Protein backbone atom coordinates (compact mmCIF):
# COMPACT_ATOMS: atom_id res chain seq x y z
CA MET A 1 -7.33 -17.48 -14.90
CA HIS A 2 -7.94 -20.87 -13.25
CA CYS A 3 -11.46 -22.21 -13.84
CA GLY A 4 -12.38 -20.04 -16.83
CA ILE A 5 -15.61 -18.47 -15.59
CA GLU A 6 -16.17 -14.77 -16.15
CA VAL A 7 -15.97 -12.94 -12.82
CA GLY A 8 -18.03 -9.80 -12.39
CA PRO A 9 -18.00 -7.17 -9.66
CA LEU A 10 -19.34 -7.87 -6.21
CA PRO A 11 -22.90 -6.88 -5.38
CA ARG A 12 -23.06 -3.36 -3.92
CA GLY A 13 -19.92 -2.27 -5.79
CA SER A 14 -17.35 -3.69 -3.37
CA TYR A 15 -13.87 -4.69 -4.51
CA ARG A 16 -13.51 -8.32 -5.68
CA ASN A 17 -10.13 -10.03 -5.44
CA HIS A 18 -10.89 -13.69 -6.17
CA CYS A 19 -13.16 -15.95 -8.20
CA PRO A 20 -16.39 -16.88 -6.39
CA SER A 21 -16.31 -20.36 -7.96
CA CYS A 22 -12.75 -21.70 -7.53
CA LEU A 23 -11.64 -19.00 -5.02
CA CYS A 24 -8.39 -18.38 -6.93
CA SER A 25 -6.89 -14.95 -7.34
CA ARG A 26 -3.95 -13.45 -9.22
CA HIS A 27 -0.79 -12.05 -7.69
CA VAL A 28 -0.90 -8.44 -8.85
CA ASP A 29 -0.28 -6.40 -5.66
CA VAL A 30 2.64 -6.06 -3.27
CA LEU A 31 0.58 -3.72 -1.11
CA PRO A 32 -3.21 -3.75 -1.56
CA GLY A 33 -4.13 -1.84 -4.70
CA ASP A 34 -0.63 -0.95 -5.90
CA ARG A 35 -0.50 -3.43 -8.86
CA ALA A 36 3.29 -3.60 -8.31
CA ALA A 37 3.78 -7.39 -8.23
CA ARG A 38 5.73 -8.59 -11.24
CA CYS A 39 4.93 -12.24 -10.63
CA ARG A 40 1.29 -12.29 -11.85
CA GLY A 41 1.06 -15.91 -10.68
CA LEU A 42 -2.04 -17.84 -9.66
CA MET A 43 -3.00 -17.39 -6.00
CA ARG A 44 -4.73 -20.51 -4.66
CA ALA A 45 -6.90 -20.45 -1.54
CA ARG A 46 -5.07 -22.53 1.08
CA GLY A 47 -7.09 -21.86 4.21
CA VAL A 48 -9.68 -19.78 6.01
CA ASP A 49 -8.86 -17.50 8.96
CA SER A 50 -11.01 -15.32 11.13
CA HIS A 51 -10.31 -11.61 11.72
CA PRO A 52 -12.09 -9.77 14.56
CA ALA A 53 -12.93 -6.73 12.40
CA LYS A 54 -13.07 -8.20 8.88
CA GLY A 55 -14.74 -11.57 9.51
CA HIS A 56 -13.74 -14.71 7.60
CA MET A 57 -10.63 -14.38 5.45
CA LEU A 58 -9.33 -16.61 2.67
CA VAL A 59 -5.60 -17.30 2.85
CA HIS A 60 -4.15 -17.17 -0.67
CA ARG A 61 -0.67 -18.41 -1.61
CA CYS A 62 0.99 -17.69 -4.96
CA VAL A 63 2.00 -20.88 -6.79
CA GLU A 64 4.87 -19.03 -8.53
CA CYS A 65 6.63 -17.13 -5.72
CA GLY A 66 4.98 -18.28 -2.47
CA PHE A 67 3.61 -14.84 -1.51
CA VAL A 68 0.76 -15.12 1.04
CA ARG A 69 -2.15 -12.69 1.41
CA ARG A 70 -5.44 -12.80 3.27
CA ASN A 71 -8.64 -11.58 1.57
CA ARG A 72 -12.19 -11.31 2.84
CA VAL A 73 -14.61 -14.08 1.98
CA ALA A 74 -17.16 -12.61 -0.45
CA PRO A 75 -20.92 -13.01 0.09
CA ASP A 76 -21.30 -14.85 -3.23
CA ASP A 77 -18.38 -17.30 -2.79
CA GLU A 78 -19.51 -20.87 -3.43
CA LEU A 79 -20.06 -22.66 -0.15
CA GLU A 80 -18.78 -25.98 -1.50
CA SER A 81 -15.47 -24.37 -2.52
CA LEU A 82 -15.12 -22.74 0.90
CA LEU A 83 -15.77 -26.06 2.63
CA GLN A 84 -13.13 -27.76 0.45
CA VAL A 85 -10.54 -25.14 1.40
CA MET A 86 -11.45 -25.44 5.08
CA LYS A 87 -11.16 -29.22 4.95
CA TYR A 88 -8.15 -29.76 2.67
CA GLY A 89 -6.43 -26.38 2.31
């Protein structure tokens, strides 16, 4: 939706919720997995948090409605993109 690359599933069959290149997502859920969000806006990564059980989490904010959600950093996320988010948000 943002950078145009084709995004495949995560290794080992895990759920993917953002692009490994630009780290953007799409606002589709109100609650995880419900697909109930009507907005469908672009979710940009705005920060990185740490969760004691889940590890590093990307903080996504919808550019259309302002909704905020945290998602796990994926093992194949581009390091340079993660560093940019950590530095500039």
